[in-house]
């Protein structure tokens, strides 16, 4: 039987954006547009030059929101050898599957979770979170209804592939050695 380095690469698309992620994303965009419109209209109505260069600042905020949104998106989950790779715009996070004790669908995984560091809704839930149920955990989730919980003895990871059942089966088979 081939070793883990001979395993075939399996790719899984992320789930489409869930309702709360869509709402958070749109509310953020609307808020930025309204604030920018208020500043621009205020400047035009006042017809005076502000004491600081406002135009570059007005361009930075939408660009920053766009960059955060794009950077938070999960582009794909990939099982490669004995690792799970979470591929995002500017980084790939690697999670070795060694020692994994559970892989299960859990649409309640993010319920009651608090963000410790990261993004909690603009494009995805991505970063470090804490909840009573899971303790500290990492999440890369576009739709909580498609959440899959991966547990190790010392950590948890929550992801949301478009086909949670197929993903869970593939992870379990890989960990069990049924390649």
Foldseek 3Di string as FASTA:
>chain_A
DDALQPDDKDKFAFAAFADQLVVVQVVLVVVLVVVLVVVVVVCVVVVDDDPDPVVVVNVVVVVVLVVLQQQLAFGIWMDHRQWIWGDGDPDIDIDGLPQWDAKAFDLCVCPQKDDPDGDDRSNFQADWIAHPVFGIATESHRHSNQWIWIDGPVYIYIGGTNDSVVVRVVSVCSNVVND
